[in-house]
Amino acid sequence: MDISNNEYRKIKQSAEDFYKSMNSVFCPFFSKYIKFNAKGLNHIKMKSWNRARPISDQYLRLKFIRLVPEILSSSGTLQEFKEELIFERLKINENWQSKRRIIKYYGFVAIINGLRVKIIVKRTNQDNIFFWSIIPFWKHSRDSITGEIKKVFHEGDLESQ
């Protein structure tokens, strides 16, 4: 995907402004509000700590960020769930530390105007539920060696999607 630097900057600024205007949205599945914090916006731009996503990946995610509140506010059914014990980078007493935590990921899939989008919500404890990621219109591909059908658009685990 060829994206001009100017196109990317416009989408990025518009998406960041929109995201920062969001505080939370009520999600029927949880019967709770889903928060929009800096972690979600950072995750859209970064694959992991200190490793940026490719510009084309950021562009697609930022371009469709406006769909997130609509999808979450109408999601009463969960399509995906994963629980992991992972190391998470946390700031504790002014110092960054890695702590093992149980993290739960919830995936909500929607088709809006022919566009298939998956929204990932992350839960770090009973009360802390926040937007984590948006994955637009993936396609499926069969692995030439194993024959396994895989999603193509992103790689890695849910922490890095």
C-alpha atoms as a PDB file:
ATOM      1  CA  MET A   1       0.000   0.000   0.000  1.00  0.00           C
ATOM      2  CA  ASP A   2       1.480   3.319  -1.053  1.00  0.00           C
ATOM      3  CA  ILE A   3       0.631   6.129   1.319  1.00  0.00           C
ATOM      4  CA  SER A   4       2.053   9.590   0.985  1.00  0.00           C
ATOM      5  CA  ASN A   5       3.621  11.128   4.056  1.00  0.00           C
ATOM      6  CA  ASN A   6       1.054  13.922   3.846  1.00  0.00           C
ATOM      7  CA  GLU A   7      -1.878  11.455   3.748  1.00  0.00           C
ATOM      8  CA  TYR A   8      -0.477   9.591   6.727  1.00  0.00           C
ATOM      9  CA  ARG A   9       0.038  12.782   8.766  1.00  0.00           C
ATOM     10  CA  LYS A  10      -3.545  13.945   8.063  1.00  0.00           C
ATOM     11  CA  ILE A  11      -5.108  10.621   9.060  1.00  0.00           C
ATOM     12  CA  LYS A  12      -2.847  10.359  12.109  1.00  0.00           C
ATOM     13  CA  GLN A  13      -3.701  13.847  13.373  1.00  0.00           C
ATOM     14  CA  SER A  14      -7.427  13.392  12.759  1.00  0.00           C
ATOM     15  CA  ALA A  15      -7.455   9.975  14.470  1.00  0.00           C
ATOM     16  CA  GLU A  16      -5.416  11.208  17.450  1.00  0.00           C
ATOM     17  CA  ASP A  17      -7.746  14.185  17.921  1.00  0.00           C
ATOM     18  CA  PHE A  18     -10.791  11.915  17.742  1.00  0.00           C
ATOM     19  CA  TYR A  19      -9.276   9.331  20.095  1.00  0.00           C
ATOM     20  CA  LYS A  20      -8.275  11.935  22.666  1.00  0.00           C
ATOM     21  CA  SER A  21     -11.853  13.274  22.643  1.00  0.00           C
ATOM     22  CA  MET A  22     -13.101   9.826  23.693  1.00  0.00           C
ATOM     23  CA  ASN A  23     -13.283   9.016  27.366  1.00  0.00           C
ATOM     24  CA  SER A  24     -15.318   5.825  27.462  1.00  0.00           C
ATOM     25  CA  VAL A  25     -18.194   4.041  25.750  1.00  0.00           C
ATOM     26  CA  PHE A  26     -20.770   1.706  27.257  1.00  0.00           C
ATOM     27  CA  CYS A  27     -20.460  -1.886  26.017  1.00  0.00           C
ATOM     28  CA  PRO A  28     -23.541  -4.129  26.453  1.00  0.00           C
ATOM     29  CA  PHE A  29     -21.403  -7.295  26.585  1.00  0.00           C
ATOM     30  CA  PHE A  30     -19.666  -6.167  29.787  1.00  0.00           C
ATOM     31  CA  SER A  31     -22.498  -3.942  31.015  1.00  0.00           C
ATOM     32  CA  LYS A  32     -19.654  -1.537  31.767  1.00  0.00           C
ATOM     33  CA  TYR A  33     -17.858   1.381  30.201  1.00  0.00           C
ATOM     34  CA  ILE A  34     -14.782   0.659  28.097  1.00  0.00           C
ATOM     35  CA  LYS A  35     -12.067   3.268  28.649  1.00  0.00           C
ATOM     36  CA  PHE A  36      -9.985   4.879  25.928  1.00  0.00           C
ATOM     37  CA  ASN A  37      -6.558   5.508  27.408  1.00  0.00           C
ATOM     38  CA  ALA A  38      -3.122   6.306  26.023  1.00  0.00           C
ATOM     39  CA  LYS A  39      -2.221   2.600  25.960  1.00  0.00           C
ATOM     40  CA  GLY A  40      -4.743   1.857  23.201  1.00  0.00           C
ATOM     41  CA  LEU A  41      -3.640   4.736  20.989  1.00  0.00           C
ATOM     42  CA  ASN A  42      -0.003   3.866  21.556  1.00  0.00           C
ATOM     43  CA  HIS A  43      -0.685   0.233  20.693  1.00  0.00           C
ATOM     44  CA  ILE A  44      -2.177   1.232  17.335  1.00  0.00           C
ATOM     45  CA  LYS A  45       1.117   2.955  16.465  1.00  0.00           C
ATOM     46  CA  MET A  46       3.572   0.593  18.180  1.00  0.00           C
ATOM     47  CA  LYS A  47       3.926  -3.182  17.741  1.00  0.00           C
ATOM     48  CA  SER A  48       5.683  -3.436  21.089  1.00  0.00           C
ATOM     49  CA  TRP A  49       7.661  -1.178  23.379  1.00  0.00           C
ATOM     50  CA  ASN A  50      10.178   0.785  21.302  1.00  0.00           C
ATOM     51  CA  ARG A  51       9.125  -0.880  17.997  1.00  0.00           C
ATOM     52  CA  ALA A  52       6.819   1.032  15.649  1.00  0.00           C
ATOM     53  CA  ARG A  53       4.310  -0.649  13.363  1.00  0.00           C
ATOM     54  CA  PRO A  54       4.798  -0.186   9.616  1.00  0.00           C
ATOM     55  CA  ILE A  55       3.232   3.055   8.365  1.00  0.00           C
ATOM     56  CA  SER A  56       0.735   1.129   6.189  1.00  0.00           C
ATOM     57  CA  ASP A  57      -0.456  -0.812   9.255  1.00  0.00           C
ATOM     58  CA  GLN A  58      -0.768   2.354  11.364  1.00  0.00           C
ATOM     59  CA  TYR A  59      -2.591   4.125   8.533  1.00  0.00           C
ATOM     60  CA  LEU A  60      -5.310   1.455   8.244  1.00  0.00           C
ATOM     61  CA  ARG A  61      -5.863   1.255  11.978  1.00  0.00           C
ATOM     62  CA  LEU A  62      -5.929   5.038  12.402  1.00  0.00           C
ATOM     63  CA  LYS A  63      -8.198   5.473   9.377  1.00  0.00           C
ATOM     64  CA  PHE A  64     -10.924   3.305  10.896  1.00  0.00           C
ATOM     65  CA  ILE A  65     -10.574   4.292  14.556  1.00  0.00           C
ATOM     66  CA  ARG A  66     -13.860   6.215  14.324  1.00  0.00           C
ATOM     67  CA  LEU A  67     -15.717   2.889  14.024  1.00  0.00           C
ATOM     68  CA  VAL A  68     -14.581   1.684  17.452  1.00  0.00           C
ATOM     69  CA  PRO A  69     -17.200   3.475  19.628  1.00  0.00           C
ATOM     70  CA  GLU A  70     -20.034   2.377  17.317  1.00  0.00           C
ATOM     71  CA  ILE A  71     -18.907  -1.252  17.365  1.00  0.00           C
ATOM     72  CA  LEU A  72     -18.298  -1.427  21.110  1.00  0.00           C
ATOM     73  CA  SER A  73     -21.569   0.303  21.976  1.00  0.00           C
ATOM     74  CA  SER A  74     -23.537  -2.257  19.951  1.00  0.00           C
ATOM     75  CA  SER A  75     -21.539  -5.378  20.879  1.00  0.00           C
ATOM     76  CA  GLY A  76     -23.591  -7.769  22.931  1.00  0.00           C
ATOM     77  CA  THR A  77     -21.870 -10.921  21.681  1.00  0.00           C
ATOM     78  CA  LEU A  78     -18.254 -11.910  22.087  1.00  0.00           C
ATOM     79  CA  GLN A  79     -16.509 -13.537  19.099  1.00  0.00           C
ATOM     80  CA  GLU A  80     -13.041 -14.201  20.560  1.00  0.00           C
ATOM     81  CA  PHE A  81     -11.468 -14.574  23.984  1.00  0.00           C
ATOM     82  CA  LYS A  82      -7.931 -15.269  25.131  1.00  0.00           C
ATOM     83  CA  GLU A  83      -6.327 -15.263  28.561  1.00  0.00           C
ATOM     84  CA  GLU A  84      -2.559 -15.099  28.974  1.00  0.00           C
ATOM     85  CA  LEU A  85      -0.013 -14.829  31.737  1.00  0.00           C
ATOM     86  CA  ILE A  86       2.432 -12.290  30.336  1.00  0.00           C
ATOM     87  CA  PHE A  87       5.102  -9.851  31.388  1.00  0.00           C
ATOM     88  CA  GLU A  88       3.773  -6.325  31.222  1.00  0.00           C
ATOM     89  CA  ARG A  89       5.816  -3.152  31.463  1.00  0.00           C
ATOM     90  CA  LEU A  90       4.498  -1.057  34.368  1.00  0.00           C
ATOM     91  CA  LYS A  91       5.608   2.150  36.006  1.00  0.00           C
ATOM     92  CA  ILE A  92       5.899   1.478  39.746  1.00  0.00           C
ATOM     93  CA  ASN A  93       7.228   4.180  42.092  1.00  0.00           C
ATOM     94  CA  GLU A  94       8.663   6.223  39.184  1.00  0.00           C
ATOM     95  CA  ASN A  95      10.521   3.167  37.805  1.00  0.00           C
ATOM     96  CA  TRP A  96       9.654   0.928  34.856  1.00  0.00           C
ATOM     97  CA  GLN A  97       9.384  -2.734  35.785  1.00  0.00           C
ATOM     98  CA  SER A  98       8.178  -5.919  34.100  1.00  0.00           C
ATOM     99  CA  LYS A  99       5.555  -7.802  36.077  1.00  0.00           C
ATOM    100  CA  ARG A 100       3.771 -11.037  35.221  1.00  0.00           C
ATOM    101  CA  ARG A 101       0.034 -10.517  35.040  1.00  0.00           C
ATOM    102  CA  ILE A 102      -3.007 -12.388  33.855  1.00  0.00           C
ATOM    103  CA  ILE A 103      -4.381 -10.462  30.897  1.00  0.00           C
ATOM    104  CA  LYS A 104      -7.716 -11.143  29.208  1.00  0.00           C
ATOM    105  CA  TYR A 105      -8.403 -10.138  25.615  1.00  0.00           C
ATOM    106  CA  TYR A 106     -11.895  -9.877  24.157  1.00  0.00           C
ATOM    107  CA  GLY A 107     -12.518  -9.686  20.407  1.00  0.00           C
ATOM    108  CA  PHE A 108     -15.594  -8.142  18.823  1.00  0.00           C
ATOM    109  CA  VAL A 109     -16.049  -8.488  15.057  1.00  0.00           C
ATOM    110  CA  ALA A 110     -18.372  -6.301  13.012  1.00  0.00           C
ATOM    111  CA  ILE A 111     -19.083  -5.647   9.354  1.00  0.00           C
ATOM    112  CA  ILE A 112     -19.899  -2.006   8.668  1.00  0.00           C
ATOM    113  CA  ASN A 113     -20.529  -0.884   5.082  1.00  0.00           C
ATOM    114  CA  GLY A 114     -18.875  -4.070   3.804  1.00  0.00           C
ATOM    115  CA  LEU A 115     -15.773  -3.542   5.947  1.00  0.00           C
ATOM    116  CA  ARG A 116     -14.897  -6.315   8.406  1.00  0.00           C
ATOM    117  CA  VAL A 117     -13.256  -4.995  11.565  1.00  0.00           C
ATOM    118  CA  LYS A 118     -12.123  -6.669  14.777  1.00  0.00           C
ATOM    119  CA  ILE A 119     -11.909  -4.647  17.977  1.00  0.00           C
ATOM    120  CA  ILE A 120      -9.760  -5.961  20.827  1.00  0.00           C
ATOM    121  CA  VAL A 121     -10.511  -4.950  24.406  1.00  0.00           C
ATOM    122  CA  LYS A 122      -7.958  -5.645  27.119  1.00  0.00           C
ATOM    123  CA  ARG A 123      -8.729  -6.412  30.758  1.00  0.00           C
ATOM    124  CA  THR A 124      -5.947  -6.296  33.332  1.00  0.00           C
ATOM    125  CA  ASN A 125      -8.158  -6.777  36.390  1.00  0.00           C
ATOM    126  CA  GLN A 126     -11.872  -6.811  37.239  1.00  0.00           C
ATOM    127  CA  ASP A 127     -12.314  -3.061  36.862  1.00  0.00           C
ATOM    128  CA  ASN A 128      -9.698  -2.047  34.302  1.00  0.00           C
ATOM    129  CA  ILE A 129     -11.192  -2.694  30.841  1.00  0.00           C
ATOM    130  CA  PHE A 130      -9.905  -0.604  27.958  1.00  0.00           C
ATOM    131  CA  PHE A 131      -9.733  -0.437  24.177  1.00  0.00           C
ATOM    132  CA  TRP A 132      -6.610  -2.187  22.914  1.00  0.00           C
ATOM    133  CA  SER A 133      -6.655  -2.519  19.146  1.00  0.00           C
ATOM    134  CA  ILE A 134      -8.515  -2.376  15.866  1.00  0.00           C
ATOM    135  CA  ILE A 135      -7.742  -4.810  13.065  1.00  0.00           C
ATOM    136  CA  PRO A 136      -9.404  -3.890   9.757  1.00  0.00           C
ATOM    137  CA  PHE A 137     -10.316  -6.224   6.884  1.00  0.00           C
ATOM    138  CA  TRP A 138      -7.953  -9.146   7.120  1.00  0.00           C
ATOM    139  CA  LYS A 139      -7.952 -11.848   4.493  1.00  0.00           C
ATOM    140  CA  HIS A 140      -7.292 -15.582   4.732  1.00  0.00           C
ATOM    141  CA  SER A 141      -4.423 -17.437   3.120  1.00  0.00           C
ATOM    142  CA  ARG A 142      -3.495 -21.116   3.002  1.00  0.00           C
ATOM    143  CA  ASP A 143       0.048 -21.923   4.130  1.00  0.00           C
ATOM    144  CA  SER A 144       1.831 -23.597   1.206  1.00  0.00           C
ATOM    145  CA  ILE A 145       3.663 -26.079   3.451  1.00  0.00           C
ATOM    146  CA  THR A 146       1.150 -27.039   6.147  1.00  0.00           C
ATOM    147  CA  GLY A 147      -2.083 -26.256   4.291  1.00  0.00           C
ATOM    148  CA  GLU A 148      -3.299 -24.404   7.358  1.00  0.00           C
ATOM    149  CA  ILE A 149      -5.591 -21.426   6.725  1.00  0.00           C
ATOM    150  CA  LYS A 150      -4.257 -18.278   8.377  1.00  0.00           C
ATOM    151  CA  LYS A 151      -5.344 -14.684   8.756  1.00  0.00           C
ATOM    152  CA  VAL A 152      -3.078 -12.353   6.828  1.00  0.00           C
ATOM    153  CA  PHE A 153      -2.619  -8.720   7.843  1.00  0.00           C
ATOM    154  CA  HIS A 154      -0.916  -8.962  11.199  1.00  0.00           C
ATOM    155  CA  GLU A 155       1.502 -11.267  12.892  1.00  0.00           C
ATOM    156  CA  GLY A 156       2.100 -12.352  16.452  1.00  0.00           C
ATOM    157  CA  ASP A 157       0.033 -12.705  19.563  1.00  0.00           C
ATOM    158  CA  LEU A 158      -2.850 -10.588  20.784  1.00  0.00           C
ATOM    159  CA  GLU A 159      -0.508  -8.432  22.827  1.00  0.00           C
ATOM    160  CA  SER A 160       1.102  -7.228  19.616  1.00  0.00           C
ATOM    161  CA  GLN A 161      -1.993  -7.024  17.375  1.00  0.00           C
END
